[in-house]
């Protein structure tokens, strides 16, 4: 059965638009961040290969360019490093969390190294495998200090502003927090990975509510990795081990889920397949190619407000799937 290209419920719909990526260009893709105009930045963690890449993804199909590999510009900052997630400042500087060195590296938009801060430890300003990172209004950053089971708020130069959370399963506690995001009202959202939930806090770190618990039914989560909130208040959660992105409304009620709809190969994937006769033959031998349309362990989700567009990092398939959100959607009626 072919995947649905339009997933709809409760007056909103998500139209599958396109897929971008390929093994050579997005090997080990984990995190992503949106820059200005068409700029997109990704982190890559693969076997013996770690990088940050800059791409442009335009509005039209096949309008994508791999602009720069930061590793090729500053290799020393990727040897003995493990880039995890990233965020782009208002000045278009790229902040990258480093799980191995337990710090944050800052690059300009072309990949030139600017500075770093952070060190291993448990004190404020120190990290143990930092992961998610996001900028807030006013220029501060929130960082998921994953193995310290807390969130740190820092200035753009690394001064500690606030620290909240501790290890545990109670409200406001974490078990390996991963993705972190800020909604349009300034509230903080955290993918509480091993507690199988997403938690919401105010900007000072005070607990507001939690969404989700362990399971595979609609509305339940299995090791969520990221979260985003759009201007309508809809909440998008990367339900990692369930291979889907779940959508909740502003009240925290389950609306629908996206399972992936990549019915065609990306531009870069087509070139790879067409250059490999054995791969072409292998694809002809299988009964169905439907499994490759689906998400496989999605790790990151971002919402582009300017385009009303959702980006999902489909990590195990080395690509990004893109969906347009349609508001006030009504199911078409067919009279045949």
C-alpha atoms as a PDB file:
ATOM      1  CA  UNK A   1       0.000   0.000   0.000  1.00  0.00           C
ATOM      2  CA  UNK A   2       1.384   3.399  -0.968  1.00  0.00           C
ATOM      3  CA  UNK A   3       1.901   5.963   1.807  1.00  0.00           C
ATOM      4  CA  UNK A   4      -0.516   8.855   2.147  1.00  0.00           C
ATOM      5  CA  UNK A   5       0.890  12.101   0.775  1.00  0.00           C
ATOM      6  CA  UNK A   6      -1.599  14.151   2.803  1.00  0.00           C
ATOM      7  CA  UNK A   7      -2.159  13.391   6.476  1.00  0.00           C
ATOM      8  CA  UNK A   8      -5.040  15.294   8.010  1.00  0.00           C
ATOM      9  CA  UNK A   9      -7.114  15.565  11.190  1.00  0.00           C
ATOM     10  CA  UNK A  10      -8.921  18.219  13.216  1.00  0.00           C
ATOM     11  CA  UNK A  11      -8.727  20.968  10.606  1.00  0.00           C
ATOM     12  CA  UNK A  12      -5.033  20.732   9.791  1.00  0.00           C
ATOM     13  CA  UNK A  13      -3.187  18.754   7.139  1.00  0.00           C
ATOM     14  CA  UNK A  14       0.409  17.974   6.275  1.00  0.00           C
ATOM     15  CA  UNK A  15       1.261  17.626   2.604  1.00  0.00           C
ATOM     16  CA  UNK A  16       4.414  15.675   1.854  1.00  0.00           C
ATOM     17  CA  UNK A  17       6.515  18.001  -0.290  1.00  0.00           C
ATOM     18  CA  UNK A  18       9.904  16.419  -0.975  1.00  0.00           C
ATOM     19  CA  UNK A  19      12.907  14.598   0.383  1.00  0.00           C
ATOM     20  CA  UNK A  20      16.467  15.914   0.548  1.00  0.00           C
ATOM     21  CA  UNK A  21      19.570  13.896   1.273  1.00  0.00           C
ATOM     22  CA  UNK A  22      21.717  10.918   0.458  1.00  0.00           C
ATOM     23  CA  UNK A  23      24.403   8.792   2.038  1.00  0.00           C
ATOM     24  CA  UNK A  24      27.290  10.815   0.644  1.00  0.00           C
ATOM     25  CA  UNK A  25      25.805  14.185   1.623  1.00  0.00           C
ATOM     26  CA  UNK A  26      24.058  13.332   4.912  1.00  0.00           C
ATOM     27  CA  UNK A  27      25.845  10.264   6.242  1.00  0.00           C
ATOM     28  CA  UNK A  28      24.959   9.946   9.925  1.00  0.00           C
ATOM     29  CA  UNK A  29      22.714  13.037   9.991  1.00  0.00           C
ATOM     30  CA  UNK A  30      21.371  13.632  13.507  1.00  0.00           C
ATOM     31  CA  UNK A  31      20.527  17.277  14.165  1.00  0.00           C
ATOM     32  CA  UNK A  32      19.442  20.226  12.061  1.00  0.00           C
ATOM     33  CA  UNK A  33      18.907  23.947  12.433  1.00  0.00           C
ATOM     34  CA  UNK A  34      17.407  26.561  10.143  1.00  0.00           C
ATOM     35  CA  UNK A  35      19.446  29.629   9.242  1.00  0.00           C
ATOM     36  CA  UNK A  36      18.419  32.667   7.252  1.00  0.00           C
ATOM     37  CA  UNK A  37      16.812  32.425   3.816  1.00  0.00           C
ATOM     38  CA  UNK A  38      17.356  28.868   2.506  1.00  0.00           C
ATOM     39  CA  UNK A  39      20.265  27.938   4.791  1.00  0.00           C
ATOM     40  CA  UNK A  40      20.070  24.650   6.692  1.00  0.00           C
ATOM     41  CA  UNK A  41      22.785  23.236   8.957  1.00  0.00           C
ATOM     42  CA  UNK A  42      23.128  19.576   9.968  1.00  0.00           C
ATOM     43  CA  UNK A  43      25.283  17.545  12.324  1.00  0.00           C
ATOM     44  CA  UNK A  44      26.618  14.198  11.157  1.00  0.00           C
ATOM     45  CA  UNK A  45      27.764  11.307  13.347  1.00  0.00           C
ATOM     46  CA  UNK A  46      28.782   8.148  11.532  1.00  0.00           C
ATOM     47  CA  UNK A  47      31.427   5.483  12.069  1.00  0.00           C
ATOM     48  CA  UNK A  48      34.754   7.362  12.242  1.00  0.00           C
ATOM     49  CA  UNK A  49      33.162  10.389  10.541  1.00  0.00           C
ATOM     50  CA  UNK A  50      31.894  13.534  12.251  1.00  0.00           C
ATOM     51  CA  UNK A  51      30.954  16.803  10.574  1.00  0.00           C
ATOM     52  CA  UNK A  52      28.715  19.838  10.397  1.00  0.00           C
ATOM     53  CA  UNK A  53      27.444  20.697   6.930  1.00  0.00           C
ATOM     54  CA  UNK A  54      25.742  23.733   5.477  1.00  0.00           C
ATOM     55  CA  UNK A  55      23.120  23.267   2.777  1.00  0.00           C
ATOM     56  CA  UNK A  56      20.644  25.425   0.978  1.00  0.00           C
ATOM     57  CA  UNK A  57      17.181  23.941   0.477  1.00  0.00           C
ATOM     58  CA  UNK A  58      15.070  26.058  -1.837  1.00  0.00           C
ATOM     59  CA  UNK A  59      11.344  26.028  -2.419  1.00  0.00           C
ATOM     60  CA  UNK A  60      11.371  23.830  -5.509  1.00  0.00           C
ATOM     61  CA  UNK A  61      12.096  20.120  -5.928  1.00  0.00           C
ATOM     62  CA  UNK A  62      15.795  19.387  -6.519  1.00  0.00           C
ATOM     63  CA  UNK A  63      16.693  22.940  -5.467  1.00  0.00           C
ATOM     64  CA  UNK A  64      19.308  21.903  -2.919  1.00  0.00           C
ATOM     65  CA  UNK A  65      23.038  22.518  -2.715  1.00  0.00           C
ATOM     66  CA  UNK A  66      25.691  21.214  -0.341  1.00  0.00           C
ATOM     67  CA  UNK A  67      27.483  24.489   0.381  1.00  0.00           C
ATOM     68  CA  UNK A  68      30.212  23.578   2.865  1.00  0.00           C
ATOM     69  CA  UNK A  69      31.637  20.881   5.089  1.00  0.00           C
ATOM     70  CA  UNK A  70      32.865  22.507   8.294  1.00  0.00           C
ATOM     71  CA  UNK A  71      35.238  19.577   8.792  1.00  0.00           C
ATOM     72  CA  UNK A  72      37.037  20.407   5.548  1.00  0.00           C
ATOM     73  CA  UNK A  73      37.531  23.978   6.759  1.00  0.00           C
ATOM     74  CA  UNK A  74      38.493  23.287  10.411  1.00  0.00           C
ATOM     75  CA  UNK A  75      39.355  19.571  10.674  1.00  0.00           C
ATOM     76  CA  UNK A  76      41.023  19.890  14.081  1.00  0.00           C
ATOM     77  CA  UNK A  77      37.657  20.713  15.645  1.00  0.00           C
ATOM     78  CA  UNK A  78      36.199  17.426  14.419  1.00  0.00           C
ATOM     79  CA  UNK A  79      39.034  15.073  15.356  1.00  0.00           C
ATOM     80  CA  UNK A  80      38.245  13.510  18.738  1.00  0.00           C
ATOM     81  CA  UNK A  81      34.890  15.285  18.684  1.00  0.00           C
ATOM     82  CA  UNK A  82      31.283  14.172  18.563  1.00  0.00           C
ATOM     83  CA  UNK A  83      28.997  16.914  17.233  1.00  0.00           C
ATOM     84  CA  UNK A  84      25.445  16.279  18.357  1.00  0.00           C
ATOM     85  CA  UNK A  85      22.961  19.132  17.879  1.00  0.00           C
ATOM     86  CA  UNK A  86      23.184  22.733  16.752  1.00  0.00           C
ATOM     87  CA  UNK A  87      21.468  26.111  16.799  1.00  0.00           C
ATOM     88  CA  UNK A  88      21.881  29.309  14.804  1.00  0.00           C
ATOM     89  CA  UNK A  89      22.145  32.674  16.561  1.00  0.00           C
ATOM     90  CA  UNK A  90      20.446  35.873  15.354  1.00  0.00           C
ATOM     91  CA  UNK A  91      23.890  36.855  14.022  1.00  0.00           C
ATOM     92  CA  UNK A  92      23.994  33.579  12.037  1.00  0.00           C
ATOM     93  CA  UNK A  93      26.698  32.024  14.177  1.00  0.00           C
ATOM     94  CA  UNK A  94      26.393  28.241  14.467  1.00  0.00           C
ATOM     95  CA  UNK A  95      26.561  26.721  17.966  1.00  0.00           C
ATOM     96  CA  UNK A  96      27.353  22.996  18.035  1.00  0.00           C
ATOM     97  CA  UNK A  97      27.198  20.756  21.101  1.00  0.00           C
ATOM     98  CA  UNK A  98      30.101  18.303  21.396  1.00  0.00           C
ATOM     99  CA  UNK A  99      29.258  15.142  23.341  1.00  0.00           C
ATOM    100  CA  UNK A 100      32.833  13.869  23.471  1.00  0.00           C
ATOM    101  CA  UNK A 101      34.635  17.059  24.478  1.00  0.00           C
ATOM    102  CA  UNK A 102      31.698  18.157  26.673  1.00  0.00           C
ATOM    103  CA  UNK A 103      31.458  21.676  25.362  1.00  0.00           C
ATOM    104  CA  UNK A 104      30.024  23.954  22.721  1.00  0.00           C
ATOM    105  CA  UNK A 105      31.870  25.050  19.589  1.00  0.00           C
ATOM    106  CA  UNK A 106      30.895  28.226  17.761  1.00  0.00           C
ATOM    107  CA  UNK A 107      31.463  28.749  14.025  1.00  0.00           C
ATOM    108  CA  UNK A 108      30.547  31.486  11.599  1.00  0.00           C
ATOM    109  CA  UNK A 109      28.042  30.683   8.862  1.00  0.00           C
ATOM    110  CA  UNK A 110      30.842  29.638   6.498  1.00  0.00           C
ATOM    111  CA  UNK A 111      32.321  27.107   8.932  1.00  0.00           C
ATOM    112  CA  UNK A 112      35.205  29.123  10.373  1.00  0.00           C
ATOM    113  CA  UNK A 113      35.830  28.419  14.063  1.00  0.00           C
ATOM    114  CA  UNK A 114      35.212  31.362  16.413  1.00  0.00           C
ATOM    115  CA  UNK A 115      35.363  30.086  19.998  1.00  0.00           C
ATOM    116  CA  UNK A 116      34.347  27.302  22.361  1.00  0.00           C
ATOM    117  CA  UNK A 117      33.210  27.058  25.969  1.00  0.00           C
ATOM    118  CA  UNK A 118      32.361  24.379  28.490  1.00  0.00           C
ATOM    119  CA  UNK A 119      34.275  21.476  30.039  1.00  0.00           C
ATOM    120  CA  UNK A 120      33.518  18.077  31.588  1.00  0.00           C
ATOM    121  CA  UNK A 121      31.937  18.086  35.021  1.00  0.00           C
ATOM    122  CA  UNK A 122      28.805  18.552  37.090  1.00  0.00           C
ATOM    123  CA  UNK A 123      29.124  22.185  38.183  1.00  0.00           C
ATOM    124  CA  UNK A 124      27.079  24.894  36.433  1.00  0.00           C
ATOM    125  CA  UNK A 125      28.680  25.643  33.075  1.00  0.00           C
ATOM    126  CA  UNK A 126      30.159  22.150  32.895  1.00  0.00           C
ATOM    127  CA  UNK A 127      28.656  19.331  30.835  1.00  0.00           C
ATOM    128  CA  UNK A 128      28.321  15.587  30.556  1.00  0.00           C
ATOM    129  CA  UNK A 129      27.429  14.733  26.942  1.00  0.00           C
ATOM    130  CA  UNK A 130      25.455  17.856  25.960  1.00  0.00           C
ATOM    131  CA  UNK A 131      22.965  17.397  23.135  1.00  0.00           C
ATOM    132  CA  UNK A 132      20.006  19.660  22.281  1.00  0.00           C
ATOM    133  CA  UNK A 133      20.563  23.398  22.021  1.00  0.00           C
ATOM    134  CA  UNK A 134      18.301  26.317  21.096  1.00  0.00           C
ATOM    135  CA  UNK A 135      18.364  30.112  21.167  1.00  0.00           C
ATOM    136  CA  UNK A 136      15.726  32.008  23.131  1.00  0.00           C
ATOM    137  CA  UNK A 137      14.405  35.521  22.684  1.00  0.00           C
ATOM    138  CA  UNK A 138      17.094  37.863  23.979  1.00  0.00           C
ATOM    139  CA  UNK A 139      20.012  35.763  22.774  1.00  0.00           C
ATOM    140  CA  UNK A 140      20.524  33.253  25.582  1.00  0.00           C
ATOM    141  CA  UNK A 141      20.785  29.523  24.870  1.00  0.00           C
ATOM    142  CA  UNK A 142      19.230  26.486  26.506  1.00  0.00           C
ATOM    143  CA  UNK A 143      21.307  23.285  26.433  1.00  0.00           C
ATOM    144  CA  UNK A 144      20.296  19.721  27.285  1.00  0.00           C
ATOM    145  CA  UNK A 145      23.065  18.571  29.634  1.00  0.00           C
ATOM    146  CA  UNK A 146      22.100  14.989  28.942  1.00  0.00           C
ATOM    147  CA  UNK A 147      24.028  12.813  31.367  1.00  0.00           C
ATOM    148  CA  UNK A 148      23.793  15.428  34.114  1.00  0.00           C
ATOM    149  CA  UNK A 149      20.011  15.154  33.589  1.00  0.00           C
ATOM    150  CA  UNK A 150      19.386  18.892  33.535  1.00  0.00           C
ATOM    151  CA  UNK A 151      18.902  21.952  31.337  1.00  0.00           C
ATOM    152  CA  UNK A 152      21.353  24.841  31.450  1.00  0.00           C
ATOM    153  CA  UNK A 153      20.583  28.364  30.309  1.00  0.00           C
ATOM    154  CA  UNK A 154      23.695  30.249  29.249  1.00  0.00           C
ATOM    155  CA  UNK A 155      24.613  33.522  27.629  1.00  0.00           C
ATOM    156  CA  UNK A 156      25.902  33.386  24.059  1.00  0.00           C
ATOM    157  CA  UNK A 157      29.457  33.486  25.461  1.00  0.00           C
ATOM    158  CA  UNK A 158      28.906  30.718  28.012  1.00  0.00           C
ATOM    159  CA  UNK A 159      28.067  32.502  31.271  1.00  0.00           C
ATOM    160  CA  UNK A 160      25.587  30.541  33.364  1.00  0.00           C
ATOM    161  CA  UNK A 161      22.153  32.150  33.782  1.00  0.00           C
ATOM    162  CA  UNK A 162      20.088  29.286  35.178  1.00  0.00           C
ATOM    163  CA  UNK A 163      20.165  25.527  35.737  1.00  0.00           C
ATOM    164  CA  UNK A 164      17.099  23.372  36.326  1.00  0.00           C
ATOM    165  CA  UNK A 165      16.245  19.687  36.567  1.00  0.00           C
ATOM    166  CA  UNK A 166      17.747  16.618  38.224  1.00  0.00           C
ATOM    167  CA  UNK A 167      17.752  12.884  37.607  1.00  0.00           C
ATOM    168  CA  UNK A 168      14.456  11.115  38.172  1.00  0.00           C
ATOM    169  CA  UNK A 169      10.942  10.548  36.921  1.00  0.00           C
ATOM    170  CA  UNK A 170       8.969  13.149  38.844  1.00  0.00           C
ATOM    171  CA  UNK A 171       7.621  16.322  37.195  1.00  0.00           C
ATOM    172  CA  UNK A 172      10.568  18.583  36.379  1.00  0.00           C
ATOM    173  CA  UNK A 173      13.103  15.749  36.583  1.00  0.00           C
ATOM    174  CA  UNK A 174      14.820  14.082  33.630  1.00  0.00           C
ATOM    175  CA  UNK A 175      16.309  10.848  32.415  1.00  0.00           C
ATOM    176  CA  UNK A 176      18.745  11.797  29.649  1.00  0.00           C
ATOM    177  CA  UNK A 177      17.029  14.872  28.192  1.00  0.00           C
ATOM    178  CA  UNK A 178      17.776  15.311  24.497  1.00  0.00           C
ATOM    179  CA  UNK A 179      16.064  17.802  22.201  1.00  0.00           C
ATOM    180  CA  UNK A 180      15.135  21.234  23.545  1.00  0.00           C
ATOM    181  CA  UNK A 181      13.124  24.014  21.947  1.00  0.00           C
ATOM    182  CA  UNK A 182      11.474  27.344  22.714  1.00  0.00           C
ATOM    183  CA  UNK A 183       7.883  28.017  21.678  1.00  0.00           C
ATOM    184  CA  UNK A 184       6.572  31.376  20.381  1.00  0.00           C
ATOM    185  CA  UNK A 185       5.529  32.418  23.918  1.00  0.00           C
ATOM    186  CA  UNK A 186       8.989  31.746  25.375  1.00  0.00           C
ATOM    187  CA  UNK A 187       8.214  28.459  27.131  1.00  0.00           C
ATOM    188  CA  UNK A 188      10.836  25.708  27.087  1.00  0.00           C
ATOM    189  CA  UNK A 189      10.084  22.218  25.746  1.00  0.00           C
ATOM    190  CA  UNK A 190      12.356  19.243  26.479  1.00  0.00           C
ATOM    191  CA  UNK A 191      12.343  15.741  24.984  1.00  0.00           C
ATOM    192  CA  UNK A 192      12.790  13.685  28.164  1.00  0.00           C
ATOM    193  CA  UNK A 193      14.287  10.732  26.302  1.00  0.00           C
ATOM    194  CA  UNK A 194      14.318   7.877  28.807  1.00  0.00           C
ATOM    195  CA  UNK A 195      11.182   9.013  30.660  1.00  0.00           C
ATOM    196  CA  UNK A 196       9.304   8.709  27.350  1.00  0.00           C
ATOM    197  CA  UNK A 197       7.705  12.126  27.583  1.00  0.00           C
ATOM    198  CA  UNK A 198       8.045  15.776  26.659  1.00  0.00           C
ATOM    199  CA  UNK A 199       8.038  18.395  29.406  1.00  0.00           C
ATOM    200  CA  UNK A 200       7.105  22.067  29.216  1.00  0.00           C
ATOM    201  CA  UNK A 201       8.645  24.757  31.449  1.00  0.00           C
ATOM    202  CA  UNK A 202       8.377  28.505  31.650  1.00  0.00           C
ATOM    203  CA  UNK A 203      11.412  30.583  30.728  1.00  0.00           C
ATOM    204  CA  UNK A 204      12.678  30.432  34.327  1.00  0.00           C
ATOM    205  CA  UNK A 205      12.602  26.633  34.368  1.00  0.00           C
ATOM    206  CA  UNK A 206       9.391  26.160  36.359  1.00  0.00           C
ATOM    207  CA  UNK A 207       7.528  22.976  35.423  1.00  0.00           C
ATOM    208  CA  UNK A 208       4.219  23.457  33.594  1.00  0.00           C
ATOM    209  CA  UNK A 209       3.158  20.044  32.282  1.00  0.00           C
ATOM    210  CA  UNK A 210       4.249  16.785  30.665  1.00  0.00           C
ATOM    211  CA  UNK A 211       2.926  15.051  27.556  1.00  0.00           C
ATOM    212  CA  UNK A 212       3.236  11.327  26.890  1.00  0.00           C
ATOM    213  CA  UNK A 213       4.235   8.097  28.558  1.00  0.00           C
ATOM    214  CA  UNK A 214       5.790   4.858  27.358  1.00  0.00           C
ATOM    215  CA  UNK A 215       4.091   2.897  24.577  1.00  0.00           C
ATOM    216  CA  UNK A 216       3.343   2.620  20.874  1.00  0.00           C
ATOM    217  CA  UNK A 217      -0.344   3.550  20.740  1.00  0.00           C
ATOM    218  CA  UNK A 218      -1.321   7.015  19.464  1.00  0.00           C
ATOM    219  CA  UNK A 219      -0.276   9.629  22.005  1.00  0.00           C
ATOM    220  CA  UNK A 220       2.303   7.371  23.667  1.00  0.00           C
ATOM    221  CA  UNK A 221       6.053   7.754  23.164  1.00  0.00           C
ATOM    222  CA  UNK A 222       9.136   5.570  22.965  1.00  0.00           C
ATOM    223  CA  UNK A 223      12.381   7.471  23.596  1.00  0.00           C
ATOM    224  CA  UNK A 224      11.464  10.875  22.094  1.00  0.00           C
ATOM    225  CA  UNK A 225      14.428  12.811  20.732  1.00  0.00           C
ATOM    226  CA  UNK A 226      13.152  16.258  19.758  1.00  0.00           C
ATOM    227  CA  UNK A 227      10.218  18.635  19.925  1.00  0.00           C
ATOM    228  CA  UNK A 228       9.027  21.755  18.094  1.00  0.00           C
ATOM    229  CA  UNK A 229       6.020  24.058  18.512  1.00  0.00           C
ATOM    230  CA  UNK A 230       4.513  26.121  15.705  1.00  0.00           C
ATOM    231  CA  UNK A 231       2.758  29.522  15.974  1.00  0.00           C
ATOM    232  CA  UNK A 232      -0.656  27.793  16.189  1.00  0.00           C
ATOM    233  CA  UNK A 233       0.488  25.958  19.305  1.00  0.00           C
ATOM    234  CA  UNK A 234       0.685  22.559  17.603  1.00  0.00           C
ATOM    235  CA  UNK A 235       3.392  20.388  19.156  1.00  0.00           C
ATOM    236  CA  UNK A 236       5.608  18.069  17.078  1.00  0.00           C
ATOM    237  CA  UNK A 237       7.458  15.235  18.817  1.00  0.00           C
ATOM    238  CA  UNK A 238      10.080  12.970  17.259  1.00  0.00           C
ATOM    239  CA  UNK A 239       8.862   9.612  18.562  1.00  0.00           C
ATOM    240  CA  UNK A 240      12.220   8.011  17.838  1.00  0.00           C
ATOM    241  CA  UNK A 241      11.789   4.306  18.560  1.00  0.00           C
ATOM    242  CA  UNK A 242       8.246   4.310  17.131  1.00  0.00           C
ATOM    243  CA  UNK A 243       9.577   5.681  13.807  1.00  0.00           C
ATOM    244  CA  UNK A 244       7.115   8.557  13.636  1.00  0.00           C
ATOM    245  CA  UNK A 245       6.461  12.208  14.399  1.00  0.00           C
ATOM    246  CA  UNK A 246       3.387  12.764  16.551  1.00  0.00           C
ATOM    247  CA  UNK A 247       1.354  15.965  16.468  1.00  0.00           C
ATOM    248  CA  UNK A 248      -0.469  17.262  19.552  1.00  0.00           C
ATOM    249  CA  UNK A 249      -2.656  20.344  19.817  1.00  0.00           C
ATOM    250  CA  UNK A 250      -2.056  23.279  22.142  1.00  0.00           C
ATOM    251  CA  UNK A 251      -3.947  21.488  24.926  1.00  0.00           C
ATOM    252  CA  UNK A 252      -1.619  18.500  24.639  1.00  0.00           C
ATOM    253  CA  UNK A 253      -4.197  16.247  22.976  1.00  0.00           C
ATOM    254  CA  UNK A 254      -3.089  13.799  20.300  1.00  0.00           C
ATOM    255  CA  UNK A 255      -4.105  14.876  16.780  1.00  0.00           C
ATOM    256  CA  UNK A 256      -2.263  12.672  14.268  1.00  0.00           C
ATOM    257  CA  UNK A 257       1.104  11.190  13.408  1.00  0.00           C
ATOM    258  CA  UNK A 258       3.376  11.260  10.379  1.00  0.00           C
ATOM    259  CA  UNK A 259       5.108   8.028   9.441  1.00  0.00           C
ATOM    260  CA  UNK A 260       7.044   9.229   6.412  1.00  0.00           C
ATOM    261  CA  UNK A 261       5.913   9.658   2.819  1.00  0.00           C
ATOM    262  CA  UNK A 262       9.072   9.735   0.672  1.00  0.00           C
ATOM    263  CA  UNK A 263       7.611   8.140  -2.458  1.00  0.00           C
ATOM    264  CA  UNK A 264      10.572   9.131  -4.590  1.00  0.00           C
ATOM    265  CA  UNK A 265      14.319   9.272  -4.162  1.00  0.00           C
ATOM    266  CA  UNK A 266      16.010  12.581  -3.534  1.00  0.00           C
ATOM    267  CA  UNK A 267      18.094  14.208  -6.237  1.00  0.00           C
ATOM    268  CA  UNK A 268      21.303  12.932  -4.641  1.00  0.00           C
ATOM    269  CA  UNK A 269      19.878   9.455  -4.046  1.00  0.00           C
ATOM    270  CA  UNK A 270      18.829   9.188  -7.701  1.00  0.00           C
ATOM    271  CA  UNK A 271      22.342  10.012  -8.838  1.00  0.00           C
ATOM    272  CA  UNK A 272      23.785   7.376  -6.488  1.00  0.00           C
ATOM    273  CA  UNK A 273      21.391   4.666  -7.664  1.00  0.00           C
ATOM    274  CA  UNK A 274      21.723   5.491 -11.354  1.00  0.00           C
ATOM    275  CA  UNK A 275      25.512   5.241 -11.074  1.00  0.00           C
ATOM    276  CA  UNK A 276      25.291   1.737  -9.549  1.00  0.00           C
ATOM    277  CA  UNK A 277      23.836  -0.941 -11.883  1.00  0.00           C
ATOM    278  CA  UNK A 278      23.852  -3.537  -9.086  1.00  0.00           C
ATOM    279  CA  UNK A 279      21.688  -1.295  -6.908  1.00  0.00           C
ATOM    280  CA  UNK A 280      19.269  -0.717  -9.795  1.00  0.00           C
ATOM    281  CA  UNK A 281      18.924  -4.494 -10.238  1.00  0.00           C
ATOM    282  CA  UNK A 282      18.505  -5.080  -6.511  1.00  0.00           C
ATOM    283  CA  UNK A 283      15.697  -2.509  -6.302  1.00  0.00           C
ATOM    284  CA  UNK A 284      13.901  -4.233  -9.195  1.00  0.00           C
ATOM    285  CA  UNK A 285      14.041  -7.604  -7.424  1.00  0.00           C
ATOM    286  CA  UNK A 286      12.206  -6.576  -4.236  1.00  0.00           C
ATOM    287  CA  UNK A 287       8.431  -6.936  -4.087  1.00  0.00           C
ATOM    288  CA  UNK A 288       7.871  -3.452  -2.715  1.00  0.00           C
ATOM    289  CA  UNK A 289       9.893  -0.329  -2.006  1.00  0.00           C
ATOM    290  CA  UNK A 290       7.334   0.950   0.486  1.00  0.00           C
ATOM    291  CA  UNK A 291       9.591   0.512   3.569  1.00  0.00           C
ATOM    292  CA  UNK A 292      12.013   3.125   2.249  1.00  0.00           C
ATOM    293  CA  UNK A 293       9.235   5.724   2.170  1.00  0.00           C
ATOM    294  CA  UNK A 294       8.915   5.541   5.974  1.00  0.00           C
ATOM    295  CA  UNK A 295      10.860   7.210   8.759  1.00  0.00           C
ATOM    296  CA  UNK A 296      13.616   5.164  10.374  1.00  0.00           C
ATOM    297  CA  UNK A 297      14.531   6.541  13.807  1.00  0.00           C
ATOM    298  CA  UNK A 298      13.770  10.247  13.224  1.00  0.00           C
ATOM    299  CA  UNK A 299      15.981  12.388  15.450  1.00  0.00           C
ATOM    300  CA  UNK A 300      15.151  16.042  14.853  1.00  0.00           C
ATOM    301  CA  UNK A 301      12.140  18.162  13.926  1.00  0.00           C
ATOM    302  CA  UNK A 302      12.013  21.858  13.037  1.00  0.00           C
ATOM    303  CA  UNK A 303       9.183  24.141  11.933  1.00  0.00           C
ATOM    304  CA  UNK A 304       9.861  26.886   9.380  1.00  0.00           C
ATOM    305  CA  UNK A 305       7.456  29.679  10.305  1.00  0.00           C
ATOM    306  CA  UNK A 306       8.069  31.676   7.124  1.00  0.00           C
ATOM    307  CA  UNK A 307       7.027  28.757   4.902  1.00  0.00           C
ATOM    308  CA  UNK A 308       4.633  26.984   7.284  1.00  0.00           C
ATOM    309  CA  UNK A 309       6.774  23.924   6.701  1.00  0.00           C
ATOM    310  CA  UNK A 310       7.885  20.980   8.835  1.00  0.00           C
ATOM    311  CA  UNK A 311      11.351  19.394   8.484  1.00  0.00           C
ATOM    312  CA  UNK A 312      12.033  15.919   9.877  1.00  0.00           C
ATOM    313  CA  UNK A 313      15.532  14.411  10.084  1.00  0.00           C
ATOM    314  CA  UNK A 314      15.123  10.788   8.972  1.00  0.00           C
ATOM    315  CA  UNK A 315      18.445   9.742  10.440  1.00  0.00           C
ATOM    316  CA  UNK A 316      18.790   6.086   9.467  1.00  0.00           C
ATOM    317  CA  UNK A 317      17.956   6.884   5.853  1.00  0.00           C
ATOM    318  CA  UNK A 318      20.397   9.855   5.670  1.00  0.00           C
ATOM    319  CA  UNK A 319      17.779  12.400   4.630  1.00  0.00           C
ATOM    320  CA  UNK A 320      15.263  15.090   5.583  1.00  0.00           C
ATOM    321  CA  UNK A 321      11.578  14.717   4.763  1.00  0.00           C
ATOM    322  CA  UNK A 322       9.634  17.966   4.307  1.00  0.00           C
ATOM    323  CA  UNK A 323       5.911  18.602   4.825  1.00  0.00           C
ATOM    324  CA  UNK A 324       3.804  21.719   4.223  1.00  0.00           C
ATOM    325  CA  UNK A 325       1.222  22.488   6.895  1.00  0.00           C
ATOM    326  CA  UNK A 326      -2.236  23.451   5.622  1.00  0.00           C
ATOM    327  CA  UNK A 327      -4.444  25.225   8.144  1.00  0.00           C
ATOM    328  CA  UNK A 328      -8.274  25.193   8.128  1.00  0.00           C
ATOM    329  CA  UNK A 329      -8.190  22.054   6.011  1.00  0.00           C
ATOM    330  CA  UNK A 330     -11.441  20.415   4.896  1.00  0.00           C
ATOM    331  CA  UNK A 331     -11.526  16.904   3.460  1.00  0.00           C
ATOM    332  CA  UNK A 332     -12.448  17.061  -0.251  1.00  0.00           C
ATOM    333  CA  UNK A 333     -15.789  15.567  -1.234  1.00  0.00           C
ATOM    334  CA  UNK A 334     -15.926  13.402  -4.344  1.00  0.00           C
ATOM    335  CA  UNK A 335     -19.170  12.700  -6.168  1.00  0.00           C
ATOM    336  CA  UNK A 336     -18.495  10.043  -8.766  1.00  0.00           C
END
